[in-house]
Amino acid sequence: MKEDTGKILAVLATLLCLTQCNTLKSDCQAIGEREAQIAAEKPGDYYIGRRYVVPYTRFWGYLRRPGQSWRTAKLVMMDEHTIHQPDRGPEPPLKNAVFGTDDNVEYAITGAFTGKSAYEPSSNLVLPLFKATSYKVLNRQPGFLFKPSEKRSDDYVTLDPRIMPQPGACQQALAQ
């Protein structure tokens, strides 16, 4: 019985390793393709923003400069004194709620970081404050944010640049 259990555990460990290795390799391939697209972005004085909605939170999403990897992205709060977020309107639980309907939409955003921070109580995060002056939709279905195998939760922040595999790990996985 102990011998059978040991064999089963060895097989399961091997399968787990193969699955994780294949996931890492496919994530790295997709990230590499995305990085090539990012490198070709038009330079300029704007940001690429990806809306990230977790219910009951007030952060906006992630911002990065054109041509820079999503590894450099910052989760931000938006200062809406100049311009409202594109989906600003009635919020849940109202029947005509529209807040958060642009989850995972990618924007070109002009504006600047204010140099101030804001506390987001639902996530217990202190985030940089960004004051936008314009939003332009770039892509309504841009796909994954940090890696294809990312797992989202409506309960807390699960998407963060740190979930991306390190470049060295990708080089190693792609070399195999």
C-alpha atoms as a PDB file:
ATOM      1  CA  MET A   1       0.000   0.000   0.000  1.00  0.00           C
ATOM      2  CA  LYS A   2       2.796   2.456   0.915  1.00  0.00           C
ATOM      3  CA  GLU A   3       4.558   1.631  -2.345  1.00  0.00           C
ATOM      4  CA  ASP A   4       1.414   2.349  -4.392  1.00  0.00           C
ATOM      5  CA  THR A   5       0.866   5.648  -2.572  1.00  0.00           C
ATOM      6  CA  GLY A   6       4.474   6.636  -3.260  1.00  0.00           C
ATOM      7  CA  LYS A   7       4.112   5.840  -6.967  1.00  0.00           C
ATOM      8  CA  ILE A   8       0.847   7.789  -7.187  1.00  0.00           C
ATOM      9  CA  LEU A   9       2.426  10.810  -5.471  1.00  0.00           C
ATOM     10  CA  ALA A  10       5.439  10.646  -7.817  1.00  0.00           C
ATOM     11  CA  VAL A  11       3.178  10.553 -10.882  1.00  0.00           C
ATOM     12  CA  LEU A  12       1.070  13.453  -9.568  1.00  0.00           C
ATOM     13  CA  ALA A  13       4.202  15.511  -8.820  1.00  0.00           C
ATOM     14  CA  THR A  14       5.502  14.868 -12.341  1.00  0.00           C
ATOM     15  CA  LEU A  15       2.172  15.846 -13.903  1.00  0.00           C
ATOM     16  CA  LEU A  16       2.028  19.002 -11.788  1.00  0.00           C
ATOM     17  CA  CYS A  17       5.542  19.960 -12.860  1.00  0.00           C
ATOM     18  CA  LEU A  18       4.760  19.323 -16.532  1.00  0.00           C
ATOM     19  CA  THR A  19       1.565  21.370 -16.305  1.00  0.00           C
ATOM     20  CA  GLN A  20       3.318  24.268 -14.581  1.00  0.00           C
ATOM     21  CA  CYS A  21       6.241  24.124 -17.024  1.00  0.00           C
ATOM     22  CA  ASN A  22       3.854  24.161 -19.994  1.00  0.00           C
ATOM     23  CA  THR A  23       1.890  27.038 -18.439  1.00  0.00           C
ATOM     24  CA  LEU A  24       5.087  28.999 -17.842  1.00  0.00           C
ATOM     25  CA  LYS A  25       6.255  28.376 -21.393  1.00  0.00           C
ATOM     26  CA  SER A  26       2.926  29.398 -22.955  1.00  0.00           C
ATOM     27  CA  ASP A  27       2.712  32.459 -20.661  1.00  0.00           C
ATOM     28  CA  CYS A  28       6.237  33.474 -21.669  1.00  0.00           C
ATOM     29  CA  GLN A  29       5.512  33.034 -25.376  1.00  0.00           C
ATOM     30  CA  ALA A  30       2.392  35.207 -25.146  1.00  0.00           C
ATOM     31  CA  ILE A  31       4.157  37.819 -23.011  1.00  0.00           C
ATOM     32  CA  GLY A  32       6.998  37.925 -25.547  1.00  0.00           C
ATOM     33  CA  GLU A  33       4.526  38.551 -28.370  1.00  0.00           C
ATOM     34  CA  ARG A  34       2.808  41.260 -26.319  1.00  0.00           C
ATOM     35  CA  GLU A  35       6.174  42.889 -25.466  1.00  0.00           C
ATOM     36  CA  ALA A  36       6.990  43.056 -29.208  1.00  0.00           C
ATOM     37  CA  GLN A  37       3.663  44.828 -29.865  1.00  0.00           C
ATOM     38  CA  ILE A  38       4.319  47.225 -26.976  1.00  0.00           C
ATOM     39  CA  ALA A  39       7.793  48.047 -28.322  1.00  0.00           C
ATOM     40  CA  ALA A  40       6.146  49.201 -31.571  1.00  0.00           C
ATOM     41  CA  GLU A  41       3.726  51.613 -29.849  1.00  0.00           C
ATOM     42  CA  LYS A  42       3.783  55.242 -30.923  1.00  0.00           C
ATOM     43  CA  PRO A  43       5.884  57.221 -28.433  1.00  0.00           C
ATOM     44  CA  GLY A  44       4.366  60.325 -26.905  1.00  0.00           C
ATOM     45  CA  ASP A  45       3.230  62.179 -23.834  1.00  0.00           C
ATOM     46  CA  TYR A  46       0.401  59.876 -22.879  1.00  0.00           C
ATOM     47  CA  TYR A  47      -0.239  56.679 -20.941  1.00  0.00           C
ATOM     48  CA  ILE A  48      -1.690  53.313 -21.797  1.00  0.00           C
ATOM     49  CA  GLY A  49      -4.330  52.460 -19.228  1.00  0.00           C
ATOM     50  CA  ARG A  50      -6.114  49.216 -18.533  1.00  0.00           C
ATOM     51  CA  ARG A  51      -9.283  49.436 -16.474  1.00  0.00           C
ATOM     52  CA  TYR A  52      -9.301  46.925 -13.635  1.00  0.00           C
ATOM     53  CA  VAL A  53     -12.501  46.592 -11.637  1.00  0.00           C
ATOM     54  CA  VAL A  54     -12.849  44.775  -8.334  1.00  0.00           C
ATOM     55  CA  PRO A  55     -16.322  45.336  -6.821  1.00  0.00           C
ATOM     56  CA  TYR A  56     -16.533  47.910  -4.025  1.00  0.00           C
ATOM     57  CA  THR A  57     -13.081  49.329  -4.738  1.00  0.00           C
ATOM     58  CA  ARG A  58     -12.394  52.823  -6.044  1.00  0.00           C
ATOM     59  CA  PHE A  59      -9.055  52.435  -7.788  1.00  0.00           C
ATOM     60  CA  TRP A  60      -9.165  52.940 -11.556  1.00  0.00           C
ATOM     61  CA  GLY A  61      -6.735  50.423 -12.974  1.00  0.00           C
ATOM     62  CA  TYR A  62      -3.171  50.240 -14.304  1.00  0.00           C
ATOM     63  CA  LEU A  63      -1.174  52.850 -16.205  1.00  0.00           C
ATOM     64  CA  ARG A  64       2.115  52.558 -18.089  1.00  0.00           C
ATOM     65  CA  ARG A  65       3.977  54.658 -20.609  1.00  0.00           C
ATOM     66  CA  PRO A  66       3.812  53.707 -24.314  1.00  0.00           C
ATOM     67  CA  GLY A  67       6.647  51.355 -25.245  1.00  0.00           C
ATOM     68  CA  GLN A  68       7.099  50.211 -21.644  1.00  0.00           C
ATOM     69  CA  SER A  69       6.204  46.748 -20.407  1.00  0.00           C
ATOM     70  CA  TRP A  70       3.194  46.081 -18.224  1.00  0.00           C
ATOM     71  CA  ARG A  71       5.859  45.188 -15.613  1.00  0.00           C
ATOM     72  CA  THR A  72       6.218  48.952 -15.072  1.00  0.00           C
ATOM     73  CA  ALA A  73       2.472  49.570 -14.644  1.00  0.00           C
ATOM     74  CA  LYS A  74       1.102  51.286 -11.558  1.00  0.00           C
ATOM     75  CA  LEU A  75      -2.320  50.735 -10.037  1.00  0.00           C
ATOM     76  CA  VAL A  76      -3.821  54.214  -9.650  1.00  0.00           C
ATOM     77  CA  MET A  77      -6.662  56.223  -8.220  1.00  0.00           C
ATOM     78  CA  MET A  78      -8.131  58.855 -10.559  1.00  0.00           C
ATOM     79  CA  ASP A  79      -8.597  62.484  -9.590  1.00  0.00           C
ATOM     80  CA  GLU A  80     -11.902  63.313 -11.303  1.00  0.00           C
ATOM     81  CA  HIS A  81     -11.952  67.072 -10.687  1.00  0.00           C
ATOM     82  CA  THR A  82     -11.060  67.814 -14.332  1.00  0.00           C
ATOM     83  CA  ILE A  83     -12.687  64.915 -16.165  1.00  0.00           C
ATOM     84  CA  HIS A  84     -14.758  61.943 -15.042  1.00  0.00           C
ATOM     85  CA  GLN A  85     -13.864  58.340 -15.747  1.00  0.00           C
ATOM     86  CA  PRO A  86     -15.474  57.129 -18.979  1.00  0.00           C
ATOM     87  CA  ASP A  87     -17.959  54.904 -17.168  1.00  0.00           C
ATOM     88  CA  ARG A  88     -18.889  57.367 -14.434  1.00  0.00           C
ATOM     89  CA  GLY A  89     -22.581  57.178 -13.722  1.00  0.00           C
ATOM     90  CA  PRO A  90     -24.975  55.477 -11.346  1.00  0.00           C
ATOM     91  CA  GLU A  91     -23.351  52.778  -9.270  1.00  0.00           C
ATOM     92  CA  PRO A  92     -24.611  49.477  -7.899  1.00  0.00           C
ATOM     93  CA  PRO A  93     -27.049  48.640  -6.385  1.00  0.00           C
ATOM     94  CA  LEU A  94     -29.007  51.015  -8.662  1.00  0.00           C
ATOM     95  CA  LYS A  95     -30.711  49.246 -11.570  1.00  0.00           C
ATOM     96  CA  ASN A  96     -29.159  51.560 -14.183  1.00  0.00           C
ATOM     97  CA  ALA A  97     -25.632  51.177 -12.761  1.00  0.00           C
ATOM     98  CA  VAL A  98     -22.793  51.699 -15.234  1.00  0.00           C
ATOM     99  CA  PHE A  99     -19.760  51.937 -12.951  1.00  0.00           C
ATOM    100  CA  GLY A 100     -17.181  49.296 -13.817  1.00  0.00           C
ATOM    101  CA  THR A 101     -18.710  48.311 -17.146  1.00  0.00           C
ATOM    102  CA  ASP A 102     -15.401  49.060 -18.893  1.00  0.00           C
ATOM    103  CA  ASP A 103     -13.434  46.407 -16.995  1.00  0.00           C
ATOM    104  CA  ASN A 104     -10.349  45.324 -18.996  1.00  0.00           C
ATOM    105  CA  VAL A 105     -10.831  48.029 -21.653  1.00  0.00           C
ATOM    106  CA  GLU A 106      -7.545  49.575 -22.797  1.00  0.00           C
ATOM    107  CA  TYR A 107      -7.260  53.366 -23.146  1.00  0.00           C
ATOM    108  CA  ALA A 108      -4.823  56.023 -24.308  1.00  0.00           C
ATOM    109  CA  ILE A 109      -4.921  58.558 -21.481  1.00  0.00           C
ATOM    110  CA  THR A 110      -3.416  62.006 -21.271  1.00  0.00           C
ATOM    111  CA  GLY A 111      -2.764  63.638 -17.947  1.00  0.00           C
ATOM    112  CA  ALA A 112      -0.223  63.465 -15.165  1.00  0.00           C
ATOM    113  CA  PHE A 113       0.485  62.009 -11.773  1.00  0.00           C
ATOM    114  CA  THR A 114      -0.335  64.620  -9.131  1.00  0.00           C
ATOM    115  CA  GLY A 115       2.466  63.631  -6.784  1.00  0.00           C
ATOM    116  CA  LYS A 116      -0.154  62.799  -4.168  1.00  0.00           C
ATOM    117  CA  SER A 117      -1.431  59.450  -2.927  1.00  0.00           C
ATOM    118  CA  ALA A 118      -4.913  58.296  -2.050  1.00  0.00           C
ATOM    119  CA  TYR A 119      -6.092  55.600   0.324  1.00  0.00           C
ATOM    120  CA  GLU A 120      -8.433  52.976  -1.112  1.00  0.00           C
ATOM    121  CA  PRO A 121     -10.182  51.476   1.938  1.00  0.00           C
ATOM    122  CA  SER A 122     -11.706  48.355   0.361  1.00  0.00           C
ATOM    123  CA  SER A 123      -8.300  47.054  -0.739  1.00  0.00           C
ATOM    124  CA  ASN A 124      -6.331  48.765   2.054  1.00  0.00           C
ATOM    125  CA  LEU A 125      -3.939  50.215  -0.527  1.00  0.00           C
ATOM    126  CA  VAL A 126      -2.329  53.643  -0.752  1.00  0.00           C
ATOM    127  CA  LEU A 127      -2.075  54.413  -4.455  1.00  0.00           C
ATOM    128  CA  PRO A 128      -0.687  57.203  -6.633  1.00  0.00           C
ATOM    129  CA  LEU A 129      -3.239  59.776  -7.745  1.00  0.00           C
ATOM    130  CA  PHE A 130      -3.496  60.466 -11.486  1.00  0.00           C
ATOM    131  CA  LYS A 131      -5.315  63.450 -12.997  1.00  0.00           C
ATOM    132  CA  ALA A 132      -6.515  62.567 -16.494  1.00  0.00           C
ATOM    133  CA  THR A 133      -7.344  65.183 -19.118  1.00  0.00           C
ATOM    134  CA  SER A 134      -8.615  62.769 -21.803  1.00  0.00           C
ATOM    135  CA  TYR A 135      -9.476  59.122 -22.421  1.00  0.00           C
ATOM    136  CA  LYS A 136      -9.542  57.383 -25.803  1.00  0.00           C
ATOM    137  CA  VAL A 137     -10.540  53.728 -26.162  1.00  0.00           C
ATOM    138  CA  LEU A 138      -7.784  51.707 -27.846  1.00  0.00           C
ATOM    139  CA  ASN A 139      -9.111  48.190 -27.441  1.00  0.00           C
ATOM    140  CA  ARG A 140     -12.311  46.853 -25.886  1.00  0.00           C
ATOM    141  CA  GLN A 141     -11.007  43.267 -25.732  1.00  0.00           C
ATOM    142  CA  PRO A 142      -7.243  43.419 -25.242  1.00  0.00           C
ATOM    143  CA  GLY A 143      -6.938  39.991 -23.608  1.00  0.00           C
ATOM    144  CA  PHE A 144      -4.779  39.236 -20.594  1.00  0.00           C
ATOM    145  CA  LEU A 145      -3.188  42.014 -18.573  1.00  0.00           C
ATOM    146  CA  PHE A 146      -0.054  40.485 -17.053  1.00  0.00           C
ATOM    147  CA  LYS A 147      -0.038  36.839 -18.151  1.00  0.00           C
ATOM    148  CA  PRO A 148      -2.506  34.529 -19.923  1.00  0.00           C
ATOM    149  CA  SER A 149      -2.861  32.184 -16.958  1.00  0.00           C
ATOM    150  CA  GLU A 150      -3.727  35.010 -14.541  1.00  0.00           C
ATOM    151  CA  LYS A 151      -6.596  34.297 -12.165  1.00  0.00           C
ATOM    152  CA  ARG A 152      -9.038  37.053 -11.317  1.00  0.00           C
ATOM    153  CA  SER A 153     -11.101  37.417  -8.184  1.00  0.00           C
ATOM    154  CA  ASP A 154     -13.949  39.753  -7.356  1.00  0.00           C
ATOM    155  CA  ASP A 155     -12.967  39.576  -3.683  1.00  0.00           C
ATOM    156  CA  TYR A 156      -9.534  41.252  -3.747  1.00  0.00           C
ATOM    157  CA  VAL A 157      -6.723  42.494  -5.993  1.00  0.00           C
ATOM    158  CA  THR A 158      -5.258  39.476  -7.777  1.00  0.00           C
ATOM    159  CA  LEU A 159      -3.799  41.180 -10.834  1.00  0.00           C
ATOM    160  CA  ASP A 160      -0.450  42.815 -10.181  1.00  0.00           C
ATOM    161  CA  PRO A 161       2.664  43.154 -12.360  1.00  0.00           C
ATOM    162  CA  ARG A 162       4.541  40.923  -9.904  1.00  0.00           C
ATOM    163  CA  ILE A 163       2.584  37.884 -11.171  1.00  0.00           C
ATOM    164  CA  MET A 164       4.478  38.111 -14.462  1.00  0.00           C
ATOM    165  CA  PRO A 165       7.282  35.555 -14.733  1.00  0.00           C
ATOM    166  CA  GLN A 166      10.726  37.140 -14.548  1.00  0.00           C
ATOM    167  CA  PRO A 167      12.573  37.507 -17.877  1.00  0.00           C
ATOM    168  CA  GLY A 168      15.233  35.006 -16.779  1.00  0.00           C
ATOM    169  CA  ALA A 169      12.578  32.402 -15.988  1.00  0.00           C
ATOM    170  CA  CYS A 170      11.050  32.987 -19.421  1.00  0.00           C
ATOM    171  CA  GLN A 171      14.407  32.628 -21.173  1.00  0.00           C
ATOM    172  CA  GLN A 172      14.974  29.347 -19.359  1.00  0.00           C
ATOM    173  CA  ALA A 173      11.443  28.021 -20.057  1.00  0.00           C
ATOM    174  CA  LEU A 174      11.603  28.975 -23.739  1.00  0.00           C
ATOM    175  CA  ALA A 175      15.042  27.358 -24.140  1.00  0.00           C
ATOM    176  CA  GLN A 176      13.656  23.957 -23.058  1.00  0.00           C
END
